[in-house]
PDB file of N, CA and C in Angstrom:
ATOM      1  N   UNK A   1       0.858  -1.158   0.000  1.00  0.00           N
ATOM      2  CA  UNK A   1       0.000   0.000   0.000  1.00  0.00           C
ATOM      3  C   UNK A   1       0.910   1.228   0.000  1.00  0.00           C
ATOM      4  N   UNK A   2       0.781   2.053  -1.055  1.00  0.00           N
ATOM      5  CA  UNK A   2       1.605   3.247  -1.167  1.00  0.00           C
ATOM      6  C   UNK A   2       0.895   4.485  -0.624  1.00  0.00           C
ATOM      7  N   UNK A   3      -0.413   4.417  -0.480  1.00  0.00           N
ATOM      8  CA  UNK A   3      -1.185   5.542   0.042  1.00  0.00           C
ATOM      9  C   UNK A   3      -2.094   5.053   1.158  1.00  0.00           C
ATOM     10  N   UNK A   4      -2.402   5.964   2.065  1.00  0.00           N
ATOM     11  CA  UNK A   4      -3.326   5.640   3.149  1.00  0.00           C
ATOM     12  C   UNK A   4      -4.215   6.856   3.375  1.00  0.00           C
ATOM     13  N   UNK A   5      -5.489   6.612   3.562  1.00  0.00           N
ATOM     14  CA  UNK A   5      -6.441   7.681   3.818  1.00  0.00           C
ATOM     15  C   UNK A   5      -6.747   7.695   5.307  1.00  0.00           C
ATOM     16  N   UNK A   6      -6.888   8.882   5.862  1.00  0.00           N
ATOM     17  CA  UNK A   6      -7.180   8.982   7.284  1.00  0.00           C
ATOM     18  C   UNK A   6      -7.886  10.271   7.603  1.00  0.00           C
ATOM     19  N   UNK A   7      -8.151  10.474   8.884  1.00  0.00           N
ATOM     20  CA  UNK A   7      -8.853  11.656   9.364  1.00  0.00           C
ATOM     21  C   UNK A   7      -8.085  12.224  10.550  1.00  0.00           C
ATOM     22  N   UNK A   8      -7.959  13.545  10.572  1.00  0.00           N
ATOM     23  CA  UNK A   8      -7.286  14.227  11.671  1.00  0.00           C
ATOM     24  C   UNK A   8      -8.300  14.429  12.792  1.00  0.00           C
ATOM     25  N   UNK A   9      -8.025  13.846  13.960  1.00  0.00           N
ATOM     26  CA  UNK A   9      -8.911  13.956  15.126  1.00  0.00           C
ATOM     27  C   UNK A   9      -8.075  14.133  16.387  1.00  0.00           C
ATOM     28  N   UNK A  10      -8.464  15.119  17.183  1.00  0.00           N
ATOM     29  CA  UNK A  10      -7.831  15.327  18.489  1.00  0.00           C
ATOM     30  C   UNK A  10      -6.304  15.362  18.412  1.00  0.00           C
ATOM     31  N   UNK A  11      -5.788  16.046  17.390  1.00  0.00           N
ATOM     32  CA  UNK A  11      -4.345  16.206  17.272  1.00  0.00           C
ATOM     33  C   UNK A  11      -3.608  15.009  16.706  1.00  0.00           C
ATOM     34  N   UNK A  12      -4.324  14.015  16.227  1.00  0.00           N
ATOM     35  CA  UNK A  12      -3.688  12.821  15.660  1.00  0.00           C
ATOM     36  C   UNK A  12      -4.324  12.468  14.328  1.00  0.00           C
ATOM     37  N   UNK A  13      -3.592  11.764  13.513  1.00  0.00           N
ATOM     38  CA  UNK A  13      -4.136  11.277  12.254  1.00  0.00           C
ATOM     39  C   UNK A  13      -4.516   9.818  12.452  1.00  0.00           C
ATOM     40  N   UNK A  14      -5.777   9.535  12.252  1.00  0.00           N
ATOM     41  CA  UNK A  14      -6.301   8.177  12.402  1.00  0.00           C
ATOM     42  C   UNK A  14      -6.487   7.605  11.001  1.00  0.00           C
ATOM     43  N   UNK A  15      -5.710   6.591  10.660  1.00  0.00           N
ATOM     44  CA  UNK A  15      -5.793   5.986   9.332  1.00  0.00           C
ATOM     45  C   UNK A  15      -6.999   5.055   9.240  1.00  0.00           C
ATOM     46  N   UNK A  16      -7.595   5.028   8.052  1.00  0.00           N
ATOM     47  CA  UNK A  16      -8.751   4.154   7.828  1.00  0.00           C
ATOM     48  C   UNK A  16      -8.355   2.680   7.856  1.00  0.00           C
ATOM     49  N   UNK A  17      -7.155   2.376   7.373  1.00  0.00           N
ATOM     50  CA  UNK A  17      -6.637   1.006   7.387  1.00  0.00           C
ATOM     51  C   UNK A  17      -5.197   1.029   7.866  1.00  0.00           C
ATOM     52  N   UNK A  18      -4.763  -0.012   8.501  1.00  0.00           N
ATOM     53  CA  UNK A  18      -3.391  -0.115   8.998  1.00  0.00           C
ATOM     54  C   UNK A  18      -2.455  -0.467   7.830  1.00  0.00           C
ATOM     55  N   UNK A  19      -1.520   0.419   7.491  1.00  0.00           N
ATOM     56  CA  UNK A  19      -0.580   0.080   6.416  1.00  0.00           C
ATOM     57  C   UNK A  19       0.468  -0.913   6.924  1.00  0.00           C
ATOM     58  N   UNK A  20       1.103  -1.597   5.996  1.00  0.00           N
ATOM     59  CA  UNK A  20       2.139  -2.569   6.389  1.00  0.00           C
ATOM     60  C   UNK A  20       3.526  -1.954   6.220  1.00  0.00           C
ATOM     61  N   UNK A  21       3.680  -0.683   6.618  1.00  0.00           N
ATOM     62  CA  UNK A  21       4.943   0.015   6.500  1.00  0.00           C
ATOM     63  C   UNK A  21       5.791  -0.251   7.739  1.00  0.00           C
ATOM     64  N   UNK A  22       7.108  -0.331   7.559  1.00  0.00           N
ATOM     65  CA  UNK A  22       7.978  -0.515   8.725  1.00  0.00           C
ATOM     66  C   UNK A  22       8.041   0.757   9.572  1.00  0.00           C
ATOM     67  N   UNK A  23       8.293   0.597  10.860  1.00  0.00           N
ATOM     68  CA  UNK A  23       8.463   1.756  11.738  1.00  0.00           C
ATOM     69  C   UNK A  23       9.567   2.647  11.190  1.00  0.00           C
ATOM     70  N   UNK A  24       9.359   3.937  11.308  1.00  0.00           N
ATOM     71  CA  UNK A  24      10.347   4.897  10.842  1.00  0.00           C
ATOM     72  C   UNK A  24      10.128   5.348   9.411  1.00  0.00           C
ATOM     73  N   UNK A  25       9.121   4.799   8.740  1.00  0.00           N
ATOM     74  CA  UNK A  25       8.840   5.206   7.367  1.00  0.00           C
ATOM     75  C   UNK A  25       8.397   6.663   7.350  1.00  0.00           C
ATOM     76  N   UNK A  26       9.029   7.488   6.525  1.00  0.00           N
ATOM     77  CA  UNK A  26       8.656   8.897   6.382  1.00  0.00           C
ATOM     78  C   UNK A  26       7.369   8.970   5.562  1.00  0.00           C
ATOM     79  N   UNK A  27       6.494   9.886   5.948  1.00  0.00           N
ATOM     80  CA  UNK A  27       5.231  10.070   5.236  1.00  0.00           C
ATOM     81  C   UNK A  27       5.032  11.550   4.936  1.00  0.00           C
ATOM     82  N   UNK A  28       4.206  11.829   3.962  1.00  0.00           N
ATOM     83  CA  UNK A  28       3.827  13.191   3.608  1.00  0.00           C
ATOM     84  C   UNK A  28       2.356  13.344   3.927  1.00  0.00           C
ATOM     85  N   UNK A  29       2.020  14.361   4.705  1.00  0.00           N
ATOM     86  CA  UNK A  29       0.629  14.619   5.066  1.00  0.00           C
ATOM     87  C   UNK A  29       0.164  15.826   4.251  1.00  0.00           C
ATOM     88  N   UNK A  30      -0.945  15.654   3.546  1.00  0.00           N
ATOM     89  CA  UNK A  30      -1.474  16.729   2.717  1.00  0.00           C
ATOM     90  C   UNK A  30      -2.989  16.744   2.853  1.00  0.00           C
ATOM     91  N   UNK A  31      -3.562  17.933   2.942  1.00  0.00           N
ATOM     92  CA  UNK A  31      -5.011  18.051   3.015  1.00  0.00           C
ATOM     93  C   UNK A  31      -5.624  17.709   1.667  1.00  0.00           C
ATOM     94  N   UNK A  32      -6.738  17.013   1.699  1.00  0.00           N
ATOM     95  CA  UNK A  32      -7.487  16.757   0.481  1.00  0.00           C
ATOM     96  C   UNK A  32      -8.216  18.037   0.082  1.00  0.00           C
ATOM     97  N   UNK A  33      -8.554  18.174  -1.193  1.00  0.00           N
ATOM     98  CA  UNK A  33      -9.327  19.354  -1.597  1.00  0.00           C
ATOM     99  C   UNK A  33     -10.594  19.471  -0.756  1.00  0.00           C
ATOM    100  N   UNK A  34     -11.013  20.703  -0.530  1.00  0.00           N
ATOM    101  CA  UNK A  34     -12.219  20.957   0.269  1.00  0.00           C
ATOM    102  C   UNK A  34     -13.376  20.121  -0.254  1.00  0.00           C
ATOM    103  N   UNK A  35     -14.017  19.415   0.659  1.00  0.00           N
ATOM    104  CA  UNK A  35     -15.122  18.550   0.275  1.00  0.00           C
ATOM    105  C   UNK A  35     -16.444  19.122   0.739  1.00  0.00           C
ATOM    106  N   UNK A  36     -16.513  20.434   0.827  1.00  0.00           N
ATOM    107  CA  UNK A  36     -17.784  21.057   1.183  1.00  0.00           C
ATOM    108  C   UNK A  36     -17.873  21.401   2.650  1.00  0.00           C
ATOM    109  N   UNK A  37     -18.989  21.085   3.231  1.00  0.00           N
ATOM    110  CA  UNK A  37     -19.300  21.454   4.610  1.00  0.00           C
ATOM    111  C   UNK A  37     -18.433  20.657   5.578  1.00  0.00           C
ATOM    112  N   UNK A  38     -17.813  21.321   6.571  1.00  0.00           N
ATOM    113  CA  UNK A  38     -17.026  20.580   7.571  1.00  0.00           C
ATOM    114  C   UNK A  38     -17.883  19.548   8.302  1.00  0.00           C
ATOM    115  N   UNK A  39     -17.247  18.480   8.741  1.00  0.00           N
ATOM    116  CA  UNK A  39     -17.968  17.387   9.400  1.00  0.00           C
ATOM    117  C   UNK A  39     -18.771  17.866  10.603  1.00  0.00           C
ATOM    118  N   UNK A  40     -18.229  18.796  11.372  1.00  0.00           N
ATOM    119  CA  UNK A  40     -18.964  19.257  12.552  1.00  0.00           C
ATOM    120  C   UNK A  40     -20.253  19.950  12.148  1.00  0.00           C
ATOM    121  N   UNK A  41     -20.210  20.723  11.052  1.00  0.00           N
ATOM    122  CA  UNK A  41     -21.421  21.385  10.572  1.00  0.00           C
ATOM    123  C   UNK A  41     -22.419  20.365  10.051  1.00  0.00           C
ATOM    124  N   UNK A  42     -21.927  19.332   9.358  1.00  0.00           N
ATOM    125  CA  UNK A  42     -22.827  18.280   8.857  1.00  0.00           C
ATOM    126  C   UNK A  42     -23.505  17.589  10.033  1.00  0.00           C
ATOM    127  N   UNK A  43     -22.751  17.335  11.109  1.00  0.00           N
ATOM    128  CA  UNK A  43     -23.332  16.692  12.284  1.00  0.00           C
ATOM    129  C   UNK A  43     -24.415  17.565  12.902  1.00  0.00           C
ATOM    130  N   UNK A  44     -24.135  18.881  12.987  1.00  0.00           N
ATOM    131  CA  UNK A  44     -25.127  19.800  13.535  1.00  0.00           C
ATOM    132  C   UNK A  44     -26.370  19.845  12.653  1.00  0.00           C
ATOM    133  N   UNK A  45     -26.169  19.875  11.338  1.00  0.00           N
ATOM    134  CA  UNK A  45     -27.294  19.875  10.406  1.00  0.00           C
ATOM    135  C   UNK A  45     -28.101  18.594  10.548  1.00  0.00           C
ATOM    136  N   UNK A  46     -27.412  17.467  10.691  1.00  0.00           N
ATOM    137  CA  UNK A  46     -28.100  16.190  10.833  1.00  0.00           C
ATOM    138  C   UNK A  46     -28.931  16.167  12.113  1.00  0.00           C
ATOM    139  N   UNK A  47     -28.344  16.649  13.202  1.00  0.00           N
ATOM    140  CA  UNK A  47     -29.078  16.669  14.474  1.00  0.00           C
ATOM    141  C   UNK A  47     -30.314  17.562  14.377  1.00  0.00           C
ATOM    142  N   UNK A  48     -30.167  18.710  13.730  1.00  0.00           N
ATOM    143  CA  UNK A  48     -31.307  19.619  13.567  1.00  0.00           C
ATOM    144  C   UNK A  48     -32.384  18.977  12.706  1.00  0.00           C
ATOM    145  N   UNK A  49     -31.983  18.324  11.629  1.00  0.00           N
ATOM    146  CA  UNK A  49     -32.950  17.657  10.755  1.00  0.00           C
ATOM    147  C   UNK A  49     -33.642  16.524  11.493  1.00  0.00           C
ATOM    148  N   UNK A  50     -32.897  15.771  12.264  1.00  0.00           N
ATOM    149  CA  UNK A  50     -33.477  14.671  13.025  1.00  0.00           C
ATOM    150  C   UNK A  50     -34.471  15.194  14.058  1.00  0.00           C
ATOM    151  N   UNK A  51     -34.149  16.291  14.694  1.00  0.00           N
ATOM    152  CA  UNK A  51     -35.069  16.893  15.665  1.00  0.00           C
ATOM    153  C   UNK A  51     -36.349  17.343  14.965  1.00  0.00           C
ATOM    154  N   UNK A  52     -36.230  17.910  13.769  1.00  0.00           N
ATOM    155  CA  UNK A  52     -37.405  18.343  13.015  1.00  0.00           C
ATOM    156  C   UNK A  52     -38.274  17.153  12.624  1.00  0.00           C
ATOM    157  N   UNK A  53     -37.656  16.079  12.197  1.00  0.00           N
ATOM    158  CA  UNK A  53     -38.406  14.869  11.854  1.00  0.00           C
ATOM    159  C   UNK A  53     -39.136  14.347  13.087  1.00  0.00           C
ATOM    160  N   UNK A  54     -38.478  14.373  14.229  1.00  0.00           N
ATOM    161  CA  UNK A  54     -39.082  13.912  15.472  1.00  0.00           C
ATOM    162  C   UNK A  54     -40.313  14.748  15.822  1.00  0.00           C
ATOM    163  N   UNK A  55     -40.216  16.077  15.661  1.00  0.00           N
ATOM    164  CA  UNK A  55     -41.346  16.964  15.948  1.00  0.00           C
ATOM    165  C   UNK A  55     -42.510  16.649  15.016  1.00  0.00           C
ATOM    166  N   UNK A  56     -42.219  16.501  13.733  1.00  0.00           N
ATOM    167  CA  UNK A  56     -43.279  16.209  12.755  1.00  0.00           C
ATOM    168  C   UNK A  56     -43.919  14.845  13.026  1.00  0.00           C
ATOM    169  N   UNK A  57     -43.101  13.881  13.399  1.00  0.00           N
ATOM    170  CA  UNK A  57     -43.603  12.542  13.702  1.00  0.00           C
ATOM    171  C   UNK A  57     -44.565  12.579  14.889  1.00  0.00           C
ATOM    172  N   UNK A  58     -44.170  13.286  15.926  1.00  0.00           N
ATOM    173  CA  UNK A  58     -45.041  13.403  17.110  1.00  0.00           C
ATOM    174  C   UNK A  58     -46.344  14.111  16.791  1.00  0.00           C
ATOM    175  N   UNK A  59     -46.281  15.157  15.965  1.00  0.00           N
ATOM    176  CA  UNK A  59     -47.495  15.863  15.559  1.00  0.00           C
ATOM    177  C   UNK A  59     -48.424  14.941  14.771  1.00  0.00           C
ATOM    178  N   UNK A  60     -47.848  14.159  13.883  1.00  0.00           N
ATOM    179  CA  UNK A  60     -48.642  13.225  13.081  1.00  0.00           C
ATOM    180  C   UNK A  60     -49.290  12.169  13.961  1.00  0.00           C
ATOM    181  N   UNK A  61     -48.543  11.653  14.925  1.00  0.00           N
ATOM    182  CA  UNK A  61     -49.113  10.655  15.853  1.00  0.00           C
ATOM    183  C   UNK A  61     -50.239  11.249  16.688  1.00  0.00           C
ATOM    184  N   UNK A  62     -50.052  12.510  17.097  1.00  0.00           N
ATOM    185  CA  UNK A  62     -51.059  13.181  17.885  1.00  0.00           C
ATOM    186  C   UNK A  62     -52.361  13.340  17.088  1.00  0.00           C
ATOM    187  N   UNK A  63     -52.239  13.694  15.807  1.00  0.00           N
ATOM    188  CA  UNK A  63     -53.419  13.838  14.945  1.00  0.00           C
ATOM    189  C   UNK A  63     -54.135  12.505  14.764  1.00  0.00           C
ATOM    190  N   UNK A  64     -53.357  11.436  14.624  1.00  0.00           N
ATOM    191  CA  UNK A  64     -53.965  10.107  14.461  1.00  0.00           C
ATOM    192  C   UNK A  64     -54.706   9.680  15.704  1.00  0.00           C
ATOM    193  N   UNK A  65     -54.215  10.103  16.870  1.00  0.00           N
ATOM    194  CA  UNK A  65     -54.835   9.711  18.132  1.00  0.00           C
ATOM    195  C   UNK A  65     -56.120  10.474  18.396  1.00  0.00           C
ATOM    196  N   UNK A  66     -56.331  11.581  17.721  1.00  0.00           N
ATOM    197  CA  UNK A  66     -57.542  12.412  17.951  1.00  0.00           C
ATOM    198  C   UNK A  66     -58.765  11.771  17.331  1.00  0.00           C
TER     199      UNK A  66
END
């Protein structure tokens, strides 16, 4: 494996798969081109959307119960 994909979290790079490189192998770290909305914003958007779905679901159940 000549390339490895990973994610920078909490000051460390977490690789998606463990490469079979020997200890001491030099690596080059480079950011991938911007892929749109940052993950934290996507998570916030997802939580907001999920909350909205929950509200609509409860309203629909309430109408059915009437």
